[in-house]
Amino acid sequence: MPKRFIIFVIDHSTASATSSEMAAIDAFNDRLRQEGHWLFAAGLVAPTESLLIDNTQHPAVVDNRSWFAGSEHYSGFWLVQCEDAEQAQQLAREGSRACHRKVELRALLG
């Protein structure tokens, strides 16, 4: 049964890909679709546009900030479907090469 994974792109800015990186990302996305791995992908706005919401106590606390305090943050992600973790790791390596950035791979629960 296929398993689902998320591949986070890690960057120091948002929408920073060069035209050649975007072409490589588009080719990688096309391949994911053709091979049946594609579920969804998207870029994320900068952490400066984040809201951190804590509604575990009353009243809720809403901060105009990101949880990430450092210069690196998630700038995008792919949701993929794979046969196993080894295949997901291979796709994460290829995604990292395509976007020319570090990525973080996590399995989805369930």
PDB file of N, CA and C in Angstrom:
ATOM      1  N   MET A   1       0.844  -1.176   0.000  1.00  0.00           N
ATOM      2  CA  MET A   1       0.000   0.000   0.000  1.00  0.00           C
ATOM      3  C   MET A   1       0.894   1.245   0.000  1.00  0.00           C
ATOM      4  N   PRO A   2       0.632   2.193  -0.886  1.00  0.00           N
ATOM      5  CA  PRO A   2       1.461   3.404  -0.938  1.00  0.00           C
ATOM      6  C   PRO A   2       1.420   4.193   0.367  1.00  0.00           C
ATOM      7  N   LYS A   3       2.547   4.810   0.671  1.00  0.00           N
ATOM      8  CA  LYS A   3       2.659   5.654   1.846  1.00  0.00           C
ATOM      9  C   LYS A   3       2.815   7.093   1.389  1.00  0.00           C
ATOM     10  N   ARG A   4       2.442   8.027   2.225  1.00  0.00           N
ATOM     11  CA  ARG A   4       2.522   9.446   1.883  1.00  0.00           C
ATOM     12  C   ARG A   4       3.608  10.123   2.702  1.00  0.00           C
ATOM     13  N   PHE A   5       4.283  11.050   2.033  1.00  0.00           N
ATOM     14  CA  PHE A   5       5.393  11.775   2.643  1.00  0.00           C
ATOM     15  C   PHE A   5       5.293  13.247   2.293  1.00  0.00           C
ATOM     16  N   ILE A   6       5.914  14.069   3.134  1.00  0.00           N
ATOM     17  CA  ILE A   6       6.048  15.484   2.823  1.00  0.00           C
ATOM     18  C   ILE A   6       7.536  15.804   2.724  1.00  0.00           C
ATOM     19  N   ILE A   7       7.880  16.541   1.689  1.00  0.00           N
ATOM     20  CA  ILE A   7       9.253  16.994   1.483  1.00  0.00           C
ATOM     21  C   ILE A   7       9.228  18.514   1.613  1.00  0.00           C
ATOM     22  N   PHE A   8       9.808  19.033   2.699  1.00  0.00           N
ATOM     23  CA  PHE A   8       9.877  20.474   2.916  1.00  0.00           C
ATOM     24  C   PHE A   8      11.130  21.032   2.257  1.00  0.00           C
ATOM     25  N   VAL A   9      10.998  22.142   1.573  1.00  0.00           N
ATOM     26  CA  VAL A   9      12.145  22.863   1.016  1.00  0.00           C
ATOM     27  C   VAL A   9      12.604  23.868   2.064  1.00  0.00           C
ATOM     28  N   ILE A  10      13.904  23.894   2.331  1.00  0.00           N
ATOM     29  CA  ILE A  10      14.475  24.788   3.344  1.00  0.00           C
ATOM     30  C   ILE A  10      15.276  25.872   2.640  1.00  0.00           C
ATOM     31  N   ASP A  11      14.993  27.122   2.962  1.00  0.00           N
ATOM     32  CA  ASP A  11      15.630  28.252   2.289  1.00  0.00           C
ATOM     33  C   ASP A  11      15.833  29.376   3.288  1.00  0.00           C
ATOM     34  N   HIS A  12      16.560  30.375   2.887  1.00  0.00           N
ATOM     35  CA  HIS A  12      16.765  31.562   3.720  1.00  0.00           C
ATOM     36  C   HIS A  12      15.930  32.744   3.233  1.00  0.00           C
ATOM     37  N   SER A  13      15.240  32.571   2.104  1.00  0.00           N
ATOM     38  CA  SER A  13      14.331  33.597   1.594  1.00  0.00           C
ATOM     39  C   SER A  13      13.173  32.903   0.892  1.00  0.00           C
ATOM     40  N   THR A  14      12.236  33.681   0.394  1.00  0.00           N
ATOM     41  CA  THR A  14      11.046  33.139  -0.258  1.00  0.00           C
ATOM     42  C   THR A  14      11.039  33.557  -1.720  1.00  0.00           C
ATOM     43  N   ALA A  15      10.571  32.676  -2.577  1.00  0.00           N
ATOM     44  CA  ALA A  15      10.498  32.935  -4.023  1.00  0.00           C
ATOM     45  C   ALA A  15      11.865  33.351  -4.567  1.00  0.00           C
ATOM     46  N   SER A  16      12.897  32.638  -4.138  1.00  0.00           N
ATOM     47  CA  SER A  16      14.267  33.005  -4.512  1.00  0.00           C
ATOM     48  C   SER A  16      14.851  32.149  -5.627  1.00  0.00           C
ATOM     49  N   ALA A  17      14.066  31.237  -6.180  1.00  0.00           N
ATOM     50  CA  ALA A  17      14.590  30.338  -7.212  1.00  0.00           C
ATOM     51  C   ALA A  17      14.937  31.102  -8.487  1.00  0.00           C
ATOM     52  N   THR A  18      16.064  30.727  -9.067  1.00  0.00           N
ATOM     53  CA  THR A  18      16.466  31.298 -10.355  1.00  0.00           C
ATOM     54  C   THR A  18      15.626  30.670 -11.458  1.00  0.00           C
ATOM     55  N   SER A  19      15.701  31.207 -12.657  1.00  0.00           N
ATOM     56  CA  SER A  19      14.931  30.646 -13.771  1.00  0.00           C
ATOM     57  C   SER A  19      15.373  29.211 -14.074  1.00  0.00           C
ATOM     58  N   SER A  20      16.657  28.917 -13.949  1.00  0.00           N
ATOM     59  CA  SER A  20      17.106  27.545 -14.205  1.00  0.00           C
ATOM     60  C   SER A  20      16.638  26.603 -13.089  1.00  0.00           C
ATOM     61  N   GLU A  21      16.608  27.080 -11.860  1.00  0.00           N
ATOM     62  CA  GLU A  21      16.077  26.260 -10.769  1.00  0.00           C
ATOM     63  C   GLU A  21      14.585  26.013 -10.962  1.00  0.00           C
ATOM     64  N   MET A  22      13.835  27.026 -11.376  1.00  0.00           N
ATOM     65  CA  MET A  22      12.400  26.847 -11.622  1.00  0.00           C
ATOM     66  C   MET A  22      12.159  25.844 -12.748  1.00  0.00           C
ATOM     67  N   ALA A  23      12.984  25.888 -13.788  1.00  0.00           N
ATOM     68  CA  ALA A  23      12.848  24.917 -14.878  1.00  0.00           C
ATOM     69  C   ALA A  23      13.102  23.501 -14.358  1.00  0.00           C
ATOM     70  N   ALA A  24      14.103  23.329 -13.495  1.00  0.00           N
ATOM     71  CA  ALA A  24      14.401  22.014 -12.922  1.00  0.00           C
ATOM     72  C   ALA A  24      13.273  21.557 -11.995  1.00  0.00           C
ATOM     73  N   ILE A  25      12.703  22.481 -11.234  1.00  0.00           N
ATOM     74  CA  ILE A  25      11.583  22.156 -10.349  1.00  0.00           C
ATOM     75  C   ILE A  25      10.370  21.745 -11.182  1.00  0.00           C
ATOM     76  N   ASP A  26      10.083  22.484 -12.250  1.00  0.00           N
ATOM     77  CA  ASP A  26       8.962  22.133 -13.123  1.00  0.00           C
ATOM     78  C   ASP A  26       9.150  20.746 -13.734  1.00  0.00           C
ATOM     79  N   ALA A  27      10.370  20.431 -14.167  1.00  0.00           N
ATOM     80  CA  ALA A  27      10.655  19.106 -14.732  1.00  0.00           C
ATOM     81  C   ALA A  27      10.472  18.019 -13.671  1.00  0.00           C
ATOM     82  N   PHE A  28      10.930  18.283 -12.441  1.00  0.00           N
ATOM     83  CA  PHE A  28      10.755  17.331 -11.341  1.00  0.00           C
ATOM     84  C   PHE A  28       9.267  17.136 -11.047  1.00  0.00           C
ATOM     85  N   ASN A  29       8.502  18.232 -11.006  1.00  0.00           N
ATOM     86  CA  ASN A  29       7.057  18.137 -10.779  1.00  0.00           C
ATOM     87  C   ASN A  29       6.383  17.301 -11.869  1.00  0.00           C
ATOM     88  N   ASP A  30       6.770  17.530 -13.122  1.00  0.00           N
ATOM     89  CA  ASP A  30       6.204  16.755 -14.238  1.00  0.00           C
ATOM     90  C   ASP A  30       6.494  15.274 -14.068  1.00  0.00           C
ATOM     91  N   ARG A  31       7.715  14.958 -13.660  1.00  0.00           N
ATOM     92  CA  ARG A  31       8.093  13.558 -13.456  1.00  0.00           C
ATOM     93  C   ARG A  31       7.287  12.936 -12.316  1.00  0.00           C
ATOM     94  N   LEU A  32       7.111  13.690 -11.217  1.00  0.00           N
ATOM     95  CA  LEU A  32       6.295  13.180 -10.115  1.00  0.00           C
ATOM     96  C   LEU A  32       4.884  12.840 -10.593  1.00  0.00           C
ATOM     97  N   ARG A  33       4.320  13.704 -11.426  1.00  0.00           N
ATOM     98  CA  ARG A  33       2.975  13.459 -11.960  1.00  0.00           C
ATOM     99  C   ARG A  33       2.960  12.215 -12.855  1.00  0.00           C
ATOM    100  N   GLN A  34       3.916  12.137 -13.768  1.00  0.00           N
ATOM    101  CA  GLN A  34       3.969  11.022 -14.723  1.00  0.00           C
ATOM    102  C   GLN A  34       4.137   9.674 -14.031  1.00  0.00           C
ATOM    103  N   GLU A  35       4.896   9.654 -12.936  1.00  0.00           N
ATOM    104  CA  GLU A  35       5.177   8.393 -12.250  1.00  0.00           C
ATOM    105  C   GLU A  35       4.185   8.087 -11.128  1.00  0.00           C
ATOM    106  N   GLY A  36       3.159   8.941 -10.953  1.00  0.00           N
ATOM    107  CA  GLY A  36       2.129   8.681  -9.963  1.00  0.00           C
ATOM    108  C   GLY A  36       2.497   9.010  -8.529  1.00  0.00           C
ATOM    109  N   HIS A  37       3.550   9.796  -8.321  1.00  0.00           N
ATOM    110  CA  HIS A  37       3.961  10.180  -6.965  1.00  0.00           C
ATOM    111  C   HIS A  37       3.300  11.477  -6.508  1.00  0.00           C
ATOM    112  N   TRP A  38       2.870  12.305  -7.441  1.00  0.00           N
ATOM    113  CA  TRP A  38       2.366  13.652  -7.155  1.00  0.00           C
ATOM    114  C   TRP A  38       1.059  13.608  -6.364  1.00  0.00           C
ATOM    115  N   LEU A  39       1.022  14.328  -5.258  1.00  0.00           N
ATOM    116  CA  LEU A  39      -0.225  14.603  -4.560  1.00  0.00           C
ATOM    117  C   LEU A  39      -0.505  16.110  -4.588  1.00  0.00           C
ATOM    118  N   PHE A  40       0.525  16.907  -4.223  1.00  0.00           N
ATOM    119  CA  PHE A  40       0.357  18.359  -4.187  1.00  0.00           C
ATOM    120  C   PHE A  40       1.727  18.978  -3.926  1.00  0.00           C
ATOM    121  N   ALA A  41       1.894  20.223  -4.355  1.00  0.00           N
ATOM    122  CA  ALA A  41       3.112  20.983  -4.042  1.00  0.00           C
ATOM    123  C   ALA A  41       2.754  22.454  -4.029  1.00  0.00           C
ATOM    124  N   ALA A  42       3.515  23.225  -3.252  1.00  0.00           N
ATOM    125  CA  ALA A  42       3.272  24.672  -3.188  1.00  0.00           C
ATOM    126  C   ALA A  42       4.462  25.366  -2.552  1.00  0.00           C
ATOM    127  N   GLY A  43       4.578  26.642  -2.847  1.00  0.00           N
ATOM    128  CA  GLY A  43       5.523  27.504  -2.161  1.00  0.00           C
ATOM    129  C   GLY A  43       4.812  28.175  -0.994  1.00  0.00           C
ATOM    130  N   LEU A  44       5.586  28.681  -0.062  1.00  0.00           N
ATOM    131  CA  LEU A  44       5.040  29.339   1.122  1.00  0.00           C
ATOM    132  C   LEU A  44       5.498  30.795   1.183  1.00  0.00           C
ATOM    133  N   VAL A  45       4.656  31.650   1.740  1.00  0.00           N
ATOM    134  CA  VAL A  45       5.051  33.046   1.928  1.00  0.00           C
ATOM    135  C   VAL A  45       6.157  33.107   2.981  1.00  0.00           C
ATOM    136  N   ALA A  46       6.811  34.241   3.059  1.00  0.00           N
ATOM    137  CA  ALA A  46       7.903  34.443   4.012  1.00  0.00           C
ATOM    138  C   ALA A  46       7.412  34.342   5.455  1.00  0.00           C
ATOM    139  N   PRO A  47       8.279  33.937   6.380  1.00  0.00           N
ATOM    140  CA  PRO A  47       7.900  33.850   7.791  1.00  0.00           C
ATOM    141  C   PRO A  47       7.432  35.190   8.365  1.00  0.00           C
ATOM    142  N   THR A  48       7.859  36.287   7.760  1.00  0.00           N
ATOM    143  CA  THR A  48       7.414  37.602   8.242  1.00  0.00           C
ATOM    144  C   THR A  48       5.917  37.804   8.029  1.00  0.00           C
ATOM    145  N   GLU A  49       5.305  36.954   7.213  1.00  0.00           N
ATOM    146  CA  GLU A  49       3.863  37.037   6.972  1.00  0.00           C
ATOM    147  C   GLU A  49       3.096  35.959   7.735  1.00  0.00           C
ATOM    148  N   SER A  50       3.764  35.325   8.700  1.00  0.00           N
ATOM    149  CA  SER A  50       3.157  34.241   9.473  1.00  0.00           C
ATOM    150  C   SER A  50       2.368  34.776  10.665  1.00  0.00           C
ATOM    151  N   LEU A  51       1.431  33.963  11.097  1.00  0.00           N
ATOM    152  CA  LEU A  51       0.746  34.172  12.373  1.00  0.00           C
ATOM    153  C   LEU A  51       0.992  32.937  13.218  1.00  0.00           C
ATOM    154  N   LEU A  52       1.448  33.137  14.431  1.00  0.00           N
ATOM    155  CA  LEU A  52       1.633  32.048  15.383  1.00  0.00           C
ATOM    156  C   LEU A  52       0.457  32.117  16.346  1.00  0.00           C
ATOM    157  N   ILE A  53      -0.360  31.079  16.362  1.00  0.00           N
ATOM    158  CA  ILE A  53      -1.602  31.078  17.131  1.00  0.00           C
ATOM    159  C   ILE A  53      -1.530  29.993  18.193  1.00  0.00           C
ATOM    160  N   ASP A  54      -1.780  30.383  19.440  1.00  0.00           N
ATOM    161  CA  ASP A  54      -1.824  29.436  20.555  1.00  0.00           C
ATOM    162  C   ASP A  54      -3.181  29.573  21.225  1.00  0.00           C
ATOM    163  N   ASN A  55      -4.035  28.612  20.990  1.00  0.00           N
ATOM    164  CA  ASN A  55      -5.363  28.621  21.580  1.00  0.00           C
ATOM    165  C   ASN A  55      -5.500  27.493  22.593  1.00  0.00           C
ATOM    166  N   THR A  56      -4.379  27.139  23.249  1.00  0.00           N
ATOM    167  CA  THR A  56      -4.417  26.088  24.250  1.00  0.00           C
ATOM    168  C   THR A  56      -4.921  26.602  25.598  1.00  0.00           C
ATOM    169  N   GLN A  57      -4.900  27.892  25.788  1.00  0.00           N
ATOM    170  CA  GLN A  57      -5.397  28.540  27.006  1.00  0.00           C
ATOM    171  C   GLN A  57      -6.329  29.664  26.567  1.00  0.00           C
ATOM    172  N   HIS A  58      -7.180  30.100  27.453  1.00  0.00           N
ATOM    173  CA  HIS A  58      -8.074  31.218  27.131  1.00  0.00           C
ATOM    174  C   HIS A  58      -7.509  32.479  27.773  1.00  0.00           C
ATOM    175  N   PRO A  59      -7.406  33.570  27.097  1.00  0.00           N
ATOM    176  CA  PRO A  59      -7.753  33.777  25.698  1.00  0.00           C
ATOM    177  C   PRO A  59      -6.626  33.320  24.771  1.00  0.00           C
ATOM    178  N   ALA A  60      -6.964  33.151  23.509  1.00  0.00           N
ATOM    179  CA  ALA A  60      -5.982  32.753  22.502  1.00  0.00           C
ATOM    180  C   ALA A  60      -4.940  33.853  22.339  1.00  0.00           C
ATOM    181  N   VAL A  61      -3.715  33.429  22.055  1.00  0.00           N
ATOM    182  CA  VAL A  61      -2.615  34.360  21.797  1.00  0.00           C
ATOM    183  C   VAL A  61      -2.282  34.279  20.319  1.00  0.00           C
ATOM    184  N   VAL A  62      -2.244  35.423  19.662  1.00  0.00           N
ATOM    185  CA  VAL A  62      -1.905  35.489  18.247  1.00  0.00           C
ATOM    186  C   VAL A  62      -0.727  36.442  18.097  1.00  0.00           C
ATOM    187  N   ASP A  63       0.384  35.919  17.574  1.00  0.00           N
ATOM    188  CA  ASP A  63       1.590  36.719  17.354  1.00  0.00           C
ATOM    189  C   ASP A  63       1.855  36.835  15.861  1.00  0.00           C
ATOM    190  N   ASN A  64       2.259  38.009  15.429  1.00  0.00           N
ATOM    191  CA  ASN A  64       2.654  38.235  14.032  1.00  0.00           C
ATOM    192  C   ASN A  64       4.103  37.807  13.864  1.00  0.00           C
ATOM    193  N   ARG A  65       4.321  36.491  13.906  1.00  0.00           N
ATOM    194  CA  ARG A  65       5.670  35.960  13.757  1.00  0.00           C
ATOM    195  C   ARG A  65       5.590  34.480  13.413  1.00  0.00           C
ATOM    196  N   SER A  66       6.732  33.934  13.063  1.00  0.00           N
ATOM    197  CA  SER A  66       6.861  32.519  12.781  1.00  0.00           C
ATOM    198  C   SER A  66       7.444  31.800  13.996  1.00  0.00           C
ATOM    199  N   TRP A  67       7.215  30.521  14.080  1.00  0.00           N
ATOM    200  CA  TRP A  67       7.843  29.708  15.111  1.00  0.00           C
ATOM    201  C   TRP A  67       9.350  29.646  14.888  1.00  0.00           C
ATOM    202  N   PHE A  68       9.767  29.731  13.613  1.00  0.00           N
ATOM    203  CA  PHE A  68      11.181  29.669  13.271  1.00  0.00           C
ATOM    204  C   PHE A  68      11.846  30.999  13.575  1.00  0.00           C
ATOM    205  N   ALA A  69      12.870  30.984  14.384  1.00  0.00           N
ATOM    206  CA  ALA A  69      13.568  32.212  14.755  1.00  0.00           C
ATOM    207  C   ALA A  69      14.831  32.425  13.921  1.00  0.00           C
ATOM    208  N   GLY A  70      15.360  31.391  13.317  1.00  0.00           N
ATOM    209  CA  GLY A  70      16.604  31.495  12.554  1.00  0.00           C
ATOM    210  C   GLY A  70      16.380  32.025  11.148  1.00  0.00           C
ATOM    211  N   SER A  71      17.450  32.068  10.396  1.00  0.00           N
ATOM    212  CA  SER A  71      17.352  32.596   9.033  1.00  0.00           C
ATOM    213  C   SER A  71      16.760  31.582   8.057  1.00  0.00           C
ATOM    214  N   GLU A  72      16.855  30.286   8.378  1.00  0.00           N
ATOM    215  CA  GLU A  72      16.300  29.265   7.485  1.00  0.00           C
ATOM    216  C   GLU A  72      14.866  28.938   7.891  1.00  0.00           C
ATOM    217  N   HIS A  73      14.053  28.615   6.891  1.00  0.00           N
ATOM    218  CA  HIS A  73      12.653  28.300   7.126  1.00  0.00           C
ATOM    219  C   HIS A  73      12.137  27.440   5.975  1.00  0.00           C
ATOM    220  N   TYR A  74      10.931  26.923   6.131  1.00  0.00           N
ATOM    221  CA  TYR A  74      10.293  26.186   5.039  1.00  0.00           C
ATOM    222  C   TYR A  74       9.804  27.190   4.006  1.00  0.00           C
ATOM    223  N   SER A  75      10.224  27.006   2.762  1.00  0.00           N
ATOM    224  CA  SER A  75       9.797  27.916   1.701  1.00  0.00           C
ATOM    225  C   SER A  75       8.858  27.233   0.713  1.00  0.00           C
ATOM    226  N   GLY A  76       8.648  25.944   0.877  1.00  0.00           N
ATOM    227  CA  GLY A  76       7.748  25.200   0.013  1.00  0.00           C
ATOM    228  C   GLY A  76       7.728  23.745   0.418  1.00  0.00           C
ATOM    229  N   PHE A  77       6.925  22.961  -0.298  1.00  0.00           N
ATOM    230  CA  PHE A  77       6.833  21.541   0.030  1.00  0.00           C
ATOM    231  C   PHE A  77       6.229  20.762  -1.134  1.00  0.00           C
ATOM    232  N   TRP A  78       6.491  19.477  -1.122  1.00  0.00           N
ATOM    233  CA  TRP A  78       5.844  18.509  -2.004  1.00  0.00           C
ATOM    234  C   TRP A  78       5.152  17.476  -1.122  1.00  0.00           C
ATOM    235  N   LEU A  79       3.944  17.100  -1.450  1.00  0.00           N
ATOM    236  CA  LEU A  79       3.293  15.932  -0.870  1.00  0.00           C
ATOM    237  C   LEU A  79       3.384  14.842  -1.922  1.00  0.00           C
ATOM    238  N   VAL A  80       3.983  13.714  -1.550  1.00  0.00           N
ATOM    239  CA  VAL A  80       4.204  12.644  -2.516  1.00  0.00           C
ATOM    240  C   VAL A  80       3.691  11.319  -1.974  1.00  0.00           C
ATOM    241  N   GLN A  81       3.455  10.408  -2.892  1.00  0.00           N
ATOM    242  CA  GLN A  81       3.017   9.060  -2.578  1.00  0.00           C
ATOM    243  C   GLN A  81       4.076   8.098  -3.094  1.00  0.00           C
ATOM    244  N   CYS A  82       4.542   7.209  -2.228  1.00  0.00           N
ATOM    245  CA  CYS A  82       5.624   6.288  -2.582  1.00  0.00           C
ATOM    246  C   CYS A  82       5.309   4.893  -2.055  1.00  0.00           C
ATOM    247  N   GLU A  83       6.002   3.916  -2.600  1.00  0.00           N
ATOM    248  CA  GLU A  83       5.840   2.545  -2.131  1.00  0.00           C
ATOM    249  C   GLU A  83       6.465   2.341  -0.757  1.00  0.00           C
ATOM    250  N   ASP A  84       7.560   3.056  -0.470  1.00  0.00           N
ATOM    251  CA  ASP A  84       8.246   2.873   0.804  1.00  0.00           C
ATOM    252  C   ASP A  84       9.141   4.081   1.091  1.00  0.00           C
ATOM    253  N   ALA A  85       9.764   4.065   2.267  1.00  0.00           N
ATOM    254  CA  ALA A  85      10.616   5.169   2.699  1.00  0.00           C
ATOM    255  C   ALA A  85      11.853   5.323   1.812  1.00  0.00           C
ATOM    256  N   GLU A  86      12.368   4.217   1.305  1.00  0.00           N
ATOM    257  CA  GLU A  86      13.543   4.284   0.431  1.00  0.00           C
ATOM    258  C   GLU A  86      13.225   5.064  -0.852  1.00  0.00           C
ATOM    259  N   GLN A  87      12.075   4.795  -1.438  1.00  0.00           N
ATOM    260  CA  GLN A  87      11.671   5.528  -2.632  1.00  0.00           C
ATOM    261  C   GLN A  87      11.440   7.013  -2.302  1.00  0.00           C
ATOM    262  N   ALA A  88      10.856   7.298  -1.145  1.00  0.00           N
ATOM    263  CA  ALA A  88      10.649   8.684  -0.719  1.00  0.00           C
ATOM    264  C   ALA A  88      11.978   9.402  -0.543  1.00  0.00           C
ATOM    265  N   GLN A  89      12.967   8.724   0.028  1.00  0.00           N
ATOM    266  CA  GLN A  89      14.299   9.328   0.191  1.00  0.00           C
ATOM    267  C   GLN A  89      14.925   9.634  -1.158  1.00  0.00           C
ATOM    268  N   GLN A  90      14.748   8.757  -2.114  1.00  0.00           N
ATOM    269  CA  GLN A  90      15.284   8.999  -3.454  1.00  0.00           C
ATOM    270  C   GLN A  90      14.612  10.231  -4.069  1.00  0.00           C
ATOM    271  N   LEU A  91      13.297  10.340  -3.945  1.00  0.00           N
ATOM    272  CA  LEU A  91      12.600  11.511  -4.477  1.00  0.00           C
ATOM    273  C   LEU A  91      13.037  12.787  -3.753  1.00  0.00           C
ATOM    274  N   ALA A  92      13.257  12.696  -2.440  1.00  0.00           N
ATOM    275  CA  ALA A  92      13.722  13.871  -1.685  1.00  0.00           C
ATOM    276  C   ALA A  92      15.104  14.302  -2.177  1.00  0.00           C
ATOM    277  N   ARG A  93      15.980  13.351  -2.444  1.00  0.00           N
ATOM    278  CA  ARG A  93      17.306  13.693  -2.980  1.00  0.00           C
ATOM    279  C   ARG A  93      17.165  14.386  -4.336  1.00  0.00           C
ATOM    280  N   GLU A  94      16.285  13.863  -5.180  1.00  0.00           N
ATOM    281  CA  GLU A  94      16.082  14.456  -6.498  1.00  0.00           C
ATOM    282  C   GLU A  94      15.428  15.832  -6.394  1.00  0.00           C
ATOM    283  N   GLY A  95      14.505  16.003  -5.452  1.00  0.00           N
ATOM    284  CA  GLY A  95      13.888  17.307  -5.230  1.00  0.00           C
ATOM    285  C   GLY A  95      14.899  18.330  -4.745  1.00  0.00           C
ATOM    286  N   SER A  96      15.805  17.908  -3.869  1.00  0.00           N
ATOM    287  CA  SER A  96      16.864  18.788  -3.379  1.00  0.00           C
ATOM    288  C   SER A  96      17.761  19.240  -4.514  1.00  0.00           C
ATOM    289  N   ARG A  97      18.097  18.307  -5.387  1.00  0.00           N
ATOM    290  CA  ARG A  97      18.932  18.657  -6.542  1.00  0.00           C
ATOM    291  C   ARG A  97      18.189  19.613  -7.471  1.00  0.00           C
ATOM    292  N   ALA A  98      16.900  19.356  -7.699  1.00  0.00           N
ATOM    293  CA  ALA A  98      16.120  20.190  -8.620  1.00  0.00           C
ATOM    294  C   ALA A  98      16.002  21.628  -8.115  1.00  0.00           C
ATOM    295  N   CYS A  99      15.708  21.797  -6.826  1.00  0.00           N
ATOM    296  CA  CYS A  99      15.515  23.155  -6.298  1.00  0.00           C
ATOM    297  C   CYS A  99      16.811  23.774  -5.790  1.00  0.00           C
ATOM    298  N   HIS A 100      17.862  22.969  -5.717  1.00  0.00           N
ATOM    299  CA  HIS A 100      19.173  23.420  -5.273  1.00  0.00           C
ATOM    300  C   HIS A 100      19.129  23.946  -3.834  1.00  0.00           C
ATOM    301  N   ARG A 101      18.377  23.238  -3.001  1.00  0.00           N
ATOM    302  CA  ARG A 101      18.223  23.605  -1.598  1.00  0.00           C
ATOM    303  C   ARG A 101      18.174  22.338  -0.748  1.00  0.00           C
ATOM    304  N   LYS A 102      18.403  22.515   0.545  1.00  0.00           N
ATOM    305  CA  LYS A 102      18.208  21.400   1.468  1.00  0.00           C
ATOM    306  C   LYS A 102      16.714  21.106   1.552  1.00  0.00           C
ATOM    307  N   VAL A 103      16.393  19.854   1.831  1.00  0.00           N
ATOM    308  CA  VAL A 103      15.002  19.468   2.059  1.00  0.00           C
ATOM    309  C   VAL A 103      14.929  18.608   3.324  1.00  0.00           C
ATOM    310  N   GLU A 104      13.744  18.565   3.886  1.00  0.00           N
ATOM    311  CA  GLU A 104      13.474  17.692   5.030  1.00  0.00           C
ATOM    312  C   GLU A 104      12.356  16.750   4.633  1.00  0.00           C
ATOM    313  N   LEU A 105      12.544  15.455   4.867  1.00  0.00           N
ATOM    314  CA  LEU A 105      11.567  14.434   4.518  1.00  0.00           C
ATOM    315  C   LEU A 105      10.909  13.920   5.778  1.00  0.00           C
ATOM    316  N   ARG A 106       9.572  13.851   5.766  1.00  0.00           N
ATOM    317  CA  ARG A 106       8.830  13.255   6.876  1.00  0.00           C
ATOM    318  C   ARG A 106       7.693  12.409   6.313  1.00  0.00           C
ATOM    319  N   ALA A 107       7.453  11.287   6.965  1.00  0.00           N
ATOM    320  CA  ALA A 107       6.292  10.466   6.619  1.00  0.00           C
ATOM    321  C   ALA A 107       5.051  11.087   7.248  1.00  0.00           C
ATOM    322  N   LEU A 108       3.928  10.965   6.553  1.00  0.00           N
ATOM    323  CA  LEU A 108       2.655  11.394   7.131  1.00  0.00           C
ATOM    324  C   LEU A 108       2.066  10.253   7.945  1.00  0.00           C
ATOM    325  N   LEU A 109       1.453  10.565   9.046  1.00  0.00           N
ATOM    326  CA  LEU A 109       0.817   9.540   9.879  1.00  0.00           C
ATOM    327  C   LEU A 109      -0.475   9.067   9.220  1.00  0.00           C
ATOM    328  N   GLY A 110      -0.761   7.803   9.423  1.00  0.00           N
ATOM    329  CA  GLY A 110      -2.032   7.278   8.937  1.00  0.00           C
ATOM    330  C   GLY A 110      -2.034   6.756   7.544  1.00  0.00           C
TER     331      GLY A 110
END
